[in-house]
């Protein structure tokens, strides 16, 4: 079921399945992984990575991992089409905030599964494209202190 949902999602967001020869022939594929958060009570969530080519215009010699979480519907017979949730970005991440955002999906989970993705390079996706040298400036801005363009550059 999860593989079918992920293939539907790939087609929906334009990452059509790629087949090639060589070591990465099985791309895209889903690799289950432990969820990177404390599992909320009474929820069934499957986490893992969607393995896709780094550059779809080239042979898939290099791959990236897109962080994915599938929140199972509370219905014994959910609708066949899941809700796909993408962060508006840029650099959006959703997986780490999933336990806090679950109440927003309560009505939808009554009838269908919900699939959440972290954007490429963000959040749980790998490789990360975070800039650790900017994090102190982000904390400064979050504390309400001014951060100049010159500091960011």
Protein backbone atom coordinates (compact mmCIF):
# COMPACT_ATOMS: atom_id res chain seq x y z
CA UNK A 1 0.00 0.00 0.00
CA UNK A 2 2.77 2.45 0.95
CA UNK A 3 4.66 1.78 -2.29
CA UNK A 4 1.50 2.47 -4.31
CA UNK A 5 0.90 5.73 -2.42
CA UNK A 6 4.46 6.86 -3.03
CA UNK A 7 4.32 6.06 -6.76
CA UNK A 8 1.05 8.02 -7.00
CA UNK A 9 2.75 10.87 -5.15
CA UNK A 10 5.77 10.78 -7.46
CA UNK A 11 3.57 11.07 -10.50
CA UNK A 12 1.52 13.82 -8.84
CA UNK A 13 4.55 16.00 -8.07
CA UNK A 14 6.34 15.31 -11.32
CA UNK A 15 9.01 12.88 -10.20
CA UNK A 16 8.08 10.20 -12.68
CA UNK A 17 9.60 6.78 -12.00
CA UNK A 18 13.04 6.31 -13.52
CA UNK A 19 14.46 2.93 -14.59
CA UNK A 20 18.07 2.44 -15.53
CA UNK A 21 20.80 -0.15 -15.61
CA UNK A 22 23.47 -0.40 -12.95
CA UNK A 23 23.56 -0.22 -9.19
CA UNK A 24 20.78 2.37 -8.89
CA UNK A 25 18.30 0.53 -11.15
CA UNK A 26 15.66 0.47 -8.44
CA UNK A 27 15.00 4.23 -8.36
CA UNK A 28 12.70 5.68 -7.17
CA UNK A 29 12.24 3.47 -4.15
CA UNK A 30 11.10 3.78 -0.57
CA UNK A 31 13.36 2.83 2.34
CA UNK A 32 11.64 2.59 5.73
CA UNK A 33 13.39 4.32 8.64
CA UNK A 34 12.52 5.08 12.26
CA UNK A 35 10.56 8.30 12.60
CA UNK A 36 12.71 11.22 13.82
CA UNK A 37 10.22 12.18 16.52
CA UNK A 38 8.41 10.66 19.48
CA UNK A 39 5.45 8.74 18.08
CA UNK A 40 2.14 10.37 19.05
CA UNK A 41 -0.21 8.13 20.98
CA UNK A 42 -2.95 6.38 18.99
CA UNK A 43 -1.39 7.23 15.61
CA UNK A 44 0.08 4.89 13.03
CA UNK A 45 2.84 6.66 11.14
CA UNK A 46 5.32 5.12 8.71
CA UNK A 47 8.52 7.10 8.09
CA UNK A 48 11.35 6.65 5.65
CA UNK A 49 13.11 8.02 2.63
CA UNK A 50 12.09 8.26 -0.98
CA UNK A 51 15.30 7.53 -2.90
CA UNK A 52 15.38 9.47 -6.17
CA UNK A 53 18.04 10.50 -8.71
CA UNK A 54 19.98 13.61 -7.77
CA UNK A 55 19.53 14.87 -11.34
CA UNK A 56 16.70 13.29 -13.36
CA UNK A 57 18.26 14.47 -16.63
CA UNK A 58 21.34 12.30 -15.99
CA UNK A 59 21.73 8.55 -15.39
CA UNK A 60 20.89 7.98 -11.72
CA UNK A 61 24.45 7.35 -10.55
CA UNK A 62 23.89 9.61 -7.54
CA UNK A 63 20.75 9.62 -5.46
CA UNK A 64 19.24 11.78 -2.74
CA UNK A 65 16.89 10.90 0.11
CA UNK A 66 13.61 12.78 0.50
CA UNK A 67 12.19 12.48 4.02
CA UNK A 68 8.63 11.11 4.02
CA UNK A 69 6.02 10.39 6.69
CA UNK A 70 2.77 8.55 5.98
CA UNK A 71 0.08 9.12 8.59
CA UNK A 72 -2.44 6.31 8.34
CA UNK A 73 -6.13 7.15 8.29
CA UNK A 74 -8.26 6.40 11.33
CA UNK A 75 -10.77 4.73 9.01
CA UNK A 76 -10.65 0.94 8.50
CA UNK A 77 -11.37 1.63 4.80
CA UNK A 78 -9.73 4.93 3.86
CA UNK A 79 -10.22 6.68 0.55
CA UNK A 80 -7.73 5.45 -2.08
CA UNK A 81 -6.20 8.88 -2.72
CA UNK A 82 -4.08 10.31 0.12
CA UNK A 83 -3.64 13.98 0.86
CA UNK A 84 -0.12 15.02 -0.19
CA UNK A 85 1.32 17.86 1.91
CA UNK A 86 4.28 19.88 0.64
CA UNK A 87 5.76 22.82 2.52
CA UNK A 88 5.71 26.09 0.61
CA UNK A 89 9.40 26.65 1.21
CA UNK A 90 11.93 27.47 0.11
CA UNK A 91 13.79 25.00 2.27
CA UNK A 92 10.60 23.82 3.89
CA UNK A 93 10.49 20.96 6.31
CA UNK A 94 7.48 19.19 7.75
CA UNK A 95 8.52 15.87 9.29
CA UNK A 96 10.02 17.17 12.54
CA UNK A 97 6.90 19.24 13.22
CA UNK A 98 4.48 16.40 12.46
CA UNK A 99 3.45 15.63 16.07
CA UNK A 100 2.56 19.30 16.61
CA UNK A 101 0.61 19.62 13.35
CA UNK A 102 -1.41 16.40 13.57
CA UNK A 103 -4.49 18.14 15.04
CA UNK A 104 -4.76 20.16 11.79
CA UNK A 105 -5.23 16.92 9.86
CA UNK A 106 -7.75 15.29 12.21
CA UNK A 107 -10.77 15.73 9.90
CA UNK A 108 -8.84 14.43 6.89
CA UNK A 109 -7.45 11.43 8.79
CA UNK A 110 -11.03 10.34 9.42
CA UNK A 111 -11.29 9.37 5.74
CA UNK A 112 -7.82 9.23 4.15
CA UNK A 113 -4.08 8.86 4.68
CA UNK A 114 -1.86 11.96 4.79
CA UNK A 115 1.64 11.96 3.23
CA UNK A 116 4.12 14.66 4.29
CA UNK A 117 7.47 15.42 2.65
CA UNK A 118 10.52 17.43 3.60
CA UNK A 119 11.86 19.39 0.66
CA UNK A 120 15.11 18.39 -0.99
CA UNK A 121 18.03 19.35 1.25
CA UNK A 122 15.78 20.48 4.11
CA UNK A 123 14.75 18.94 7.40
CA UNK A 124 15.08 15.14 7.42
CA UNK A 125 16.02 14.91 3.72
CA UNK A 126 19.61 14.04 2.81
CA UNK A 127 22.04 15.43 1.99
CA UNK A 128 21.21 18.46 4.05
CA UNK A 129 21.74 21.87 2.52
CA UNK A 130 21.63 23.70 5.87
CA UNK A 131 24.16 26.44 6.47
CA UNK A 132 25.34 26.04 10.09
CA UNK A 133 27.16 29.36 9.96
CA UNK A 134 23.79 31.14 9.58
CA UNK A 135 22.04 29.39 12.48
CA UNK A 136 23.26 31.89 15.14
CA UNK A 137 21.83 34.71 13.02
CA UNK A 138 18.51 32.85 12.71
CA UNK A 139 18.37 32.45 16.51
CA UNK A 140 19.19 36.15 16.90
CA UNK A 141 16.35 37.09 14.52
CA UNK A 142 13.95 34.68 16.27
CA UNK A 143 14.76 36.44 19.55
CA UNK A 144 13.61 39.71 17.98
CA UNK A 145 17.09 41.13 17.52
CA UNK A 146 18.03 42.87 14.29
CA UNK A 147 20.15 40.99 11.75
CA UNK A 148 21.56 43.09 8.94
CA UNK A 149 21.96 42.08 5.32
CA UNK A 150 25.71 42.56 5.76
CA UNK A 151 25.75 39.99 8.58
CA UNK A 152 23.87 37.47 6.45
CA UNK A 153 26.16 38.01 3.46
